[in-house]
Amino acid sequence: MNQLKILRYEVGQLQANCYFVIHENYCLIFDPGDSADFLLEEIQRKRLNVLALFASHGHFDHVMAAGEIQAALNIPFYIAKEDLFLLKRAGETARYFLGHEPHVVPPKETKDLREGGFKIDDLRFRIIRTPGHTPGARCFYFKSEKALFTGDTLFKNAIGRYDFSYSSKKDLTHSIKRLYQLPEETVVYPGHGEKTTIGVEKGRGIIENL
């Protein structure tokens, strides 16, 4: 398979990372967090054939544009069933954190993200269960590209929050240890901030000090 192209867009007030993973003119979108109009314009401008949307977890800053994009393109939206409760209250949560009433189009339907191999067209990757930040957090690993999309589980020099009522420090620690088993040269594309690698983050010893 030809090399994938990865584009990053910082969207919304919380500057969440939305990623376009492109093979030829086919595209997968990870974490369509906000700015649906802008993302749809990018899709049209680059003449992309979007196959599906994926959420690393259900927090509003990673899913708010999903419904609008899904309605415009008639494509599936994948999110773990354990995080559907967060998706359903995305508008309410956004209002609390952002201080205004956001425009949120609810997805017309969702599909569950189960752990294991995933193939859509010629794009192949592995879904990894990484609960802790949220119960249904998922990471997406493209082995051929040595690329890992981690949402809010693992960042550059940081890990996800675990102080929500539904979070788990124990689960998050276990999840990150699973990610550390991937090759050290694996590039980490987080839900916020700049990219890093598994080797660099493993060497920081963050979870050992929790």
C-alpha atoms as a PDB file:
ATOM      1  CA  MET A   1       0.000   0.000   0.000  1.00  0.00           C
ATOM      2  CA  ASN A   2       1.193   3.514  -0.816  1.00  0.00           C
ATOM      3  CA  GLN A   3       2.287   5.615   2.121  1.00  0.00           C
ATOM      4  CA  LEU A   4      -0.469   7.293   4.076  1.00  0.00           C
ATOM      5  CA  LYS A   5      -0.713  11.038   4.368  1.00  0.00           C
ATOM      6  CA  ILE A   6      -1.650  12.373   7.796  1.00  0.00           C
ATOM      7  CA  LEU A   7      -3.071  15.881   8.159  1.00  0.00           C
ATOM      8  CA  ARG A   8      -3.697  17.530  11.524  1.00  0.00           C
ATOM      9  CA  TYR A   9      -6.222  20.284  12.193  1.00  0.00           C
ATOM     10  CA  GLU A  10      -6.650  22.022  15.551  1.00  0.00           C
ATOM     11  CA  VAL A  11     -10.372  22.630  15.957  1.00  0.00           C
ATOM     12  CA  GLY A  12     -12.618  24.296  18.518  1.00  0.00           C
ATOM     13  CA  GLN A  13     -11.884  26.447  21.568  1.00  0.00           C
ATOM     14  CA  LEU A  14     -10.002  23.596  23.239  1.00  0.00           C
ATOM     15  CA  GLN A  15      -7.756  23.152  20.191  1.00  0.00           C
ATOM     16  CA  ALA A  16      -8.415  19.436  19.845  1.00  0.00           C
ATOM     17  CA  ASN A  17      -6.577  17.613  17.091  1.00  0.00           C
ATOM     18  CA  CYS A  18      -8.647  16.274  14.212  1.00  0.00           C
ATOM     19  CA  TYR A  19      -6.729  13.976  11.865  1.00  0.00           C
ATOM     20  CA  PHE A  20      -7.285  13.138   8.217  1.00  0.00           C
ATOM     21  CA  VAL A  21      -5.606   9.834   7.297  1.00  0.00           C
ATOM     22  CA  ILE A  22      -5.429   9.722   3.519  1.00  0.00           C
ATOM     23  CA  HIS A  23      -4.617   6.945   1.043  1.00  0.00           C
ATOM     24  CA  GLU A  24      -4.782   8.167  -2.551  1.00  0.00           C
ATOM     25  CA  ASN A  25      -8.048  10.153  -2.390  1.00  0.00           C
ATOM     26  CA  TYR A  26      -9.662   8.002   0.295  1.00  0.00           C
ATOM     27  CA  CYS A  27      -9.798   9.434   3.804  1.00  0.00           C
ATOM     28  CA  LEU A  28     -10.594   8.437   7.369  1.00  0.00           C
ATOM     29  CA  ILE A  29     -11.287  11.180   9.910  1.00  0.00           C
ATOM     30  CA  PHE A  30     -10.291  10.704  13.531  1.00  0.00           C
ATOM     31  CA  ASP A  31     -11.818  12.946  16.220  1.00  0.00           C
ATOM     32  CA  PRO A  32     -14.031  15.384  14.277  1.00  0.00           C
ATOM     33  CA  GLY A  33     -14.201  17.662  17.299  1.00  0.00           C
ATOM     34  CA  ASP A  34     -15.585  20.931  15.952  1.00  0.00           C
ATOM     35  CA  SER A  35     -15.563  23.322  12.975  1.00  0.00           C
ATOM     36  CA  ALA A  36     -17.661  21.074  10.738  1.00  0.00           C
ATOM     37  CA  ASP A  37     -17.976  23.755   8.045  1.00  0.00           C
ATOM     38  CA  PHE A  38     -14.209  24.149   7.839  1.00  0.00           C
ATOM     39  CA  LEU A  39     -13.600  20.384   7.758  1.00  0.00           C
ATOM     40  CA  LEU A  40     -16.212  19.891   5.038  1.00  0.00           C
ATOM     41  CA  GLU A  41     -14.560  22.658   3.013  1.00  0.00           C
ATOM     42  CA  GLU A  42     -11.195  20.926   3.381  1.00  0.00           C
ATOM     43  CA  ILE A  43     -12.715  17.646   2.237  1.00  0.00           C
ATOM     44  CA  GLN A  44     -14.188  19.324  -0.841  1.00  0.00           C
ATOM     45  CA  ARG A  45     -11.083  21.373  -1.593  1.00  0.00           C
ATOM     46  CA  LYS A  46      -8.827  18.319  -1.449  1.00  0.00           C
ATOM     47  CA  ARG A  47     -11.404  16.204  -3.316  1.00  0.00           C
ATOM     48  CA  LEU A  48     -11.370  13.490  -0.682  1.00  0.00           C
ATOM     49  CA  ASN A  49     -13.639  10.490  -0.516  1.00  0.00           C
ATOM     50  CA  VAL A  50     -14.274  10.157   3.217  1.00  0.00           C
ATOM     51  CA  LEU A  51     -15.068   6.584   4.224  1.00  0.00           C
ATOM     52  CA  ALA A  52     -15.808   6.945   7.937  1.00  0.00           C
ATOM     53  CA  LEU A  53     -15.481   8.995  11.120  1.00  0.00           C
ATOM     54  CA  PHE A  54     -13.865   7.654  14.300  1.00  0.00           C
ATOM     55  CA  ALA A  55     -13.879   8.993  17.860  1.00  0.00           C
ATOM     56  CA  SER A  56     -11.069   8.179  20.264  1.00  0.00           C
ATOM     57  CA  HIS A  57     -13.560   8.868  23.074  1.00  0.00           C
ATOM     58  CA  GLY A  58     -16.830  10.640  23.728  1.00  0.00           C
ATOM     59  CA  HIS A  59     -15.802  14.049  25.083  1.00  0.00           C
ATOM     60  CA  PHE A  60     -17.468  16.941  23.273  1.00  0.00           C
ATOM     61  CA  ASP A  61     -14.245  18.493  21.980  1.00  0.00           C
ATOM     62  CA  HIS A  62     -13.586  15.319  19.969  1.00  0.00           C
ATOM     63  CA  VAL A  63     -17.074  14.620  18.582  1.00  0.00           C
ATOM     64  CA  MET A  64     -19.059  17.842  18.087  1.00  0.00           C
ATOM     65  CA  ALA A  65     -18.643  17.958  14.287  1.00  0.00           C
ATOM     66  CA  ALA A  66     -19.430  14.275  13.752  1.00  0.00           C
ATOM     67  CA  GLY A  67     -23.190  14.597  13.280  1.00  0.00           C
ATOM     68  CA  GLU A  68     -22.942  17.460  10.795  1.00  0.00           C
ATOM     69  CA  ILE A  69     -20.248  15.745   8.720  1.00  0.00           C
ATOM     70  CA  GLN A  70     -22.142  12.464   8.826  1.00  0.00           C
ATOM     71  CA  ALA A  71     -25.312  14.177   7.623  1.00  0.00           C
ATOM     72  CA  ALA A  72     -23.471  15.893   4.765  1.00  0.00           C
ATOM     73  CA  LEU A  73     -21.561  12.828   3.561  1.00  0.00           C
ATOM     74  CA  ASN A  74     -23.782   9.913   4.673  1.00  0.00           C
ATOM     75  CA  ILE A  75     -20.903   7.973   6.228  1.00  0.00           C
ATOM     76  CA  PRO A  76     -20.630   5.804   9.364  1.00  0.00           C
ATOM     77  CA  PHE A  77     -19.482   7.200  12.690  1.00  0.00           C
ATOM     78  CA  TYR A  78     -17.641   4.812  14.992  1.00  0.00           C
ATOM     79  CA  ILE A  79     -17.457   5.314  18.752  1.00  0.00           C
ATOM     80  CA  ALA A  80     -17.221   2.805  21.606  1.00  0.00           C
ATOM     81  CA  LYS A  81     -20.597   1.986  23.121  1.00  0.00           C
ATOM     82  CA  GLU A  82     -19.168   2.605  26.611  1.00  0.00           C
ATOM     83  CA  ASP A  83     -18.840   6.310  25.708  1.00  0.00           C
ATOM     84  CA  LEU A  84     -22.279   6.829  24.205  1.00  0.00           C
ATOM     85  CA  PHE A  85     -23.436   8.460  27.450  1.00  0.00           C
ATOM     86  CA  LEU A  86     -20.815  11.175  26.883  1.00  0.00           C
ATOM     87  CA  LEU A  87     -21.815  11.619  23.254  1.00  0.00           C
ATOM     88  CA  LYS A  88     -25.462  12.099  24.236  1.00  0.00           C
ATOM     89  CA  ARG A  89     -24.604  14.930  26.602  1.00  0.00           C
ATOM     90  CA  ALA A  90     -21.950  16.557  24.395  1.00  0.00           C
ATOM     91  CA  GLY A  91     -23.972  19.729  23.897  1.00  0.00           C
ATOM     92  CA  GLU A  92     -24.678  20.126  27.606  1.00  0.00           C
ATOM     93  CA  THR A  93     -21.034  19.504  28.521  1.00  0.00           C
ATOM     94  CA  ALA A  94     -19.801  21.895  25.842  1.00  0.00           C
ATOM     95  CA  ARG A  95     -22.079  24.621  27.192  1.00  0.00           C
ATOM     96  CA  TYR A  96     -20.614  24.113  30.670  1.00  0.00           C
ATOM     97  CA  PHE A  97     -16.958  24.219  29.574  1.00  0.00           C
ATOM     98  CA  LEU A  98     -17.230  26.811  26.793  1.00  0.00           C
ATOM     99  CA  GLY A  99     -19.698  29.193  28.402  1.00  0.00           C
ATOM    100  CA  HIS A 100     -22.040  29.410  25.425  1.00  0.00           C
ATOM    101  CA  GLU A 101     -24.599  27.336  23.571  1.00  0.00           C
ATOM    102  CA  PRO A 102     -22.798  25.457  20.780  1.00  0.00           C
ATOM    103  CA  HIS A 103     -24.477  24.173  17.648  1.00  0.00           C
ATOM    104  CA  VAL A 104     -24.327  20.382  17.864  1.00  0.00           C
ATOM    105  CA  VAL A 105     -25.986  18.122  15.303  1.00  0.00           C
ATOM    106  CA  PRO A 106     -26.470  14.678  16.916  1.00  0.00           C
ATOM    107  CA  PRO A 107     -25.156  11.747  14.844  1.00  0.00           C
ATOM    108  CA  LYS A 108     -28.029   9.900  13.203  1.00  0.00           C
ATOM    109  CA  GLU A 109     -26.484   6.574  14.176  1.00  0.00           C
ATOM    110  CA  THR A 110     -23.254   5.151  15.543  1.00  0.00           C
ATOM    111  CA  LYS A 111     -21.282   1.949  15.193  1.00  0.00           C
ATOM    112  CA  ASP A 112     -19.360   0.312  18.017  1.00  0.00           C
ATOM    113  CA  LEU A 113     -15.567   0.219  18.131  1.00  0.00           C
ATOM    114  CA  ARG A 114     -14.444  -3.229  19.183  1.00  0.00           C
ATOM    115  CA  GLU A 115     -10.845  -4.114  19.864  1.00  0.00           C
ATOM    116  CA  GLY A 116      -8.962  -5.835  17.064  1.00  0.00           C
ATOM    117  CA  GLY A 117      -8.133  -5.463  13.411  1.00  0.00           C
ATOM    118  CA  PHE A 118     -10.157  -3.084  11.267  1.00  0.00           C
ATOM    119  CA  LYS A 119     -10.210  -2.800   7.479  1.00  0.00           C
ATOM    120  CA  ILE A 120     -12.082  -0.325   5.326  1.00  0.00           C
ATOM    121  CA  ASP A 121     -11.243  -0.204   1.645  1.00  0.00           C
ATOM    122  CA  ASP A 122      -7.418  -0.576   1.521  1.00  0.00           C
ATOM    123  CA  LEU A 123      -6.914   1.066   4.919  1.00  0.00           C
ATOM    124  CA  ARG A 124      -5.999  -1.304   7.730  1.00  0.00           C
ATOM    125  CA  PHE A 125      -5.360  -0.554  11.390  1.00  0.00           C
ATOM    126  CA  ARG A 126      -5.848  -1.986  14.850  1.00  0.00           C
ATOM    127  CA  ILE A 127      -8.267  -0.717  17.463  1.00  0.00           C
ATOM    128  CA  ILE A 128      -6.836  -0.853  20.986  1.00  0.00           C
ATOM    129  CA  ARG A 129      -9.049  -0.578  24.068  1.00  0.00           C
ATOM    130  CA  THR A 130      -7.534   2.042  26.367  1.00  0.00           C
ATOM    131  CA  PRO A 131     -10.045   2.794  29.140  1.00  0.00           C
ATOM    132  CA  GLY A 132      -9.101   5.162  31.926  1.00  0.00           C
ATOM    133  CA  HIS A 133      -9.672   8.714  30.724  1.00  0.00           C
ATOM    134  CA  THR A 134     -13.121   7.526  29.689  1.00  0.00           C
ATOM    135  CA  PRO A 135     -14.602   4.011  29.848  1.00  0.00           C
ATOM    136  CA  GLY A 136     -14.690   3.666  26.066  1.00  0.00           C
ATOM    137  CA  ALA A 137     -11.406   5.292  25.091  1.00  0.00           C
ATOM    138  CA  ARG A 138      -9.774   3.753  22.021  1.00  0.00           C
ATOM    139  CA  CYS A 139      -6.453   4.165  20.252  1.00  0.00           C
ATOM    140  CA  PHE A 140      -5.841   3.465  16.570  1.00  0.00           C
ATOM    141  CA  TYR A 141      -2.603   1.820  15.437  1.00  0.00           C
ATOM    142  CA  PHE A 142      -1.403   1.790  11.839  1.00  0.00           C
ATOM    143  CA  LYS A 143       1.420  -0.736  12.013  1.00  0.00           C
ATOM    144  CA  SER A 144       2.665  -0.198   8.462  1.00  0.00           C
ATOM    145  CA  GLU A 145       3.009   3.523   9.105  1.00  0.00           C
ATOM    146  CA  LYS A 146       4.242   3.203  12.705  1.00  0.00           C
ATOM    147  CA  ALA A 147       1.451   5.643  13.619  1.00  0.00           C
ATOM    148  CA  LEU A 148      -0.718   5.649  16.744  1.00  0.00           C
ATOM    149  CA  PHE A 149      -3.665   7.977  17.340  1.00  0.00           C
ATOM    150  CA  THR A 150      -4.124   8.201  21.100  1.00  0.00           C
ATOM    151  CA  GLY A 151      -6.900  10.706  21.734  1.00  0.00           C
ATOM    152  CA  ASP A 152      -6.637  11.892  25.350  1.00  0.00           C
ATOM    153  CA  THR A 153      -4.964   8.734  26.652  1.00  0.00           C
ATOM    154  CA  LEU A 154      -1.354   9.727  25.963  1.00  0.00           C
ATOM    155  CA  PHE A 155       0.135  13.105  25.054  1.00  0.00           C
ATOM    156  CA  LYS A 156       3.590  14.554  24.619  1.00  0.00           C
ATOM    157  CA  ASN A 157       4.955  14.617  28.175  1.00  0.00           C
ATOM    158  CA  ALA A 158       1.527  13.984  29.707  1.00  0.00           C
ATOM    159  CA  ILE A 159      -1.282  11.480  30.145  1.00  0.00           C
ATOM    160  CA  GLY A 160      -5.047  11.879  30.159  1.00  0.00           C
ATOM    161  CA  ARG A 161      -7.065  13.150  33.099  1.00  0.00           C
ATOM    162  CA  TYR A 162      -8.476  10.533  35.424  1.00  0.00           C
ATOM    163  CA  ASP A 163     -10.325  12.726  37.922  1.00  0.00           C
ATOM    164  CA  PHE A 164     -13.765  12.456  36.313  1.00  0.00           C
ATOM    165  CA  SER A 165     -16.360  10.343  38.130  1.00  0.00           C
ATOM    166  CA  TYR A 166     -16.263   7.782  35.300  1.00  0.00           C
ATOM    167  CA  SER A 167     -12.456   7.768  34.955  1.00  0.00           C
ATOM    168  CA  SER A 168     -10.045   5.244  36.421  1.00  0.00           C
ATOM    169  CA  LYS A 169      -6.418   5.848  37.318  1.00  0.00           C
ATOM    170  CA  LYS A 170      -5.838   2.098  37.498  1.00  0.00           C
ATOM    171  CA  ASP A 171      -7.329   1.485  34.045  1.00  0.00           C
ATOM    172  CA  LEU A 172      -5.444   4.405  32.524  1.00  0.00           C
ATOM    173  CA  THR A 173      -2.127   3.137  33.888  1.00  0.00           C
ATOM    174  CA  HIS A 174      -2.818  -0.319  32.473  1.00  0.00           C
ATOM    175  CA  SER A 175      -3.822   1.167  29.115  1.00  0.00           C
ATOM    176  CA  ILE A 176      -0.662   3.214  28.818  1.00  0.00           C
ATOM    177  CA  LYS A 177       1.452   0.191  29.707  1.00  0.00           C
ATOM    178  CA  ARG A 178      -0.222  -1.613  26.803  1.00  0.00           C
ATOM    179  CA  LEU A 179       0.707   1.224  24.463  1.00  0.00           C
ATOM    180  CA  TYR A 180       4.297   1.113  25.726  1.00  0.00           C
ATOM    181  CA  GLN A 181       4.530  -2.413  24.328  1.00  0.00           C
ATOM    182  CA  LEU A 182       4.365  -1.033  20.797  1.00  0.00           C
ATOM    183  CA  PRO A 183       7.650  -0.386  18.945  1.00  0.00           C
ATOM    184  CA  GLU A 184       9.493   2.593  20.418  1.00  0.00           C
ATOM    185  CA  GLU A 185       9.694   4.328  17.027  1.00  0.00           C
ATOM    186  CA  THR A 186       5.886   4.444  16.823  1.00  0.00           C
ATOM    187  CA  VAL A 187       4.781   8.045  16.303  1.00  0.00           C
ATOM    188  CA  VAL A 188       2.092   9.167  18.745  1.00  0.00           C
ATOM    189  CA  TYR A 189      -0.551  11.535  17.374  1.00  0.00           C
ATOM    190  CA  PRO A 190      -2.413  12.796  20.468  1.00  0.00           C
ATOM    191  CA  GLY A 191      -5.779  14.450  20.901  1.00  0.00           C
ATOM    192  CA  HIS A 192      -4.147  17.761  21.852  1.00  0.00           C
ATOM    193  CA  GLY A 193      -0.689  19.179  21.239  1.00  0.00           C
ATOM    194  CA  GLU A 194       2.263  18.009  19.205  1.00  0.00           C
ATOM    195  CA  LYS A 195       3.245  14.499  18.206  1.00  0.00           C
ATOM    196  CA  THR A 196       5.836  12.403  20.034  1.00  0.00           C
ATOM    197  CA  THR A 197       6.978   8.760  20.042  1.00  0.00           C
ATOM    198  CA  ILE A 198       6.336   5.759  22.245  1.00  0.00           C
ATOM    199  CA  GLY A 199      10.052   5.537  23.048  1.00  0.00           C
ATOM    200  CA  VAL A 200      10.276   9.138  24.220  1.00  0.00           C
ATOM    201  CA  GLU A 201       7.173   8.917  26.401  1.00  0.00           C
ATOM    202  CA  LYS A 202       8.154   5.535  27.808  1.00  0.00           C
ATOM    203  CA  GLY A 203      11.496   7.044  28.824  1.00  0.00           C
ATOM    204  CA  ARG A 204       9.883   9.862  30.794  1.00  0.00           C
ATOM    205  CA  GLY A 205       8.609   7.477  33.484  1.00  0.00           C
ATOM    206  CA  ILE A 206       5.376   9.401  33.983  1.00  0.00           C
ATOM    207  CA  ILE A 207       3.175   6.477  34.978  1.00  0.00           C
ATOM    208  CA  GLU A 208       5.811   5.152  37.390  1.00  0.00           C
ATOM    209  CA  ASN A 209       5.340   8.334  39.411  1.00  0.00           C
ATOM    210  CA  LEU A 210       1.534   8.223  39.603  1.00  0.00           C
END
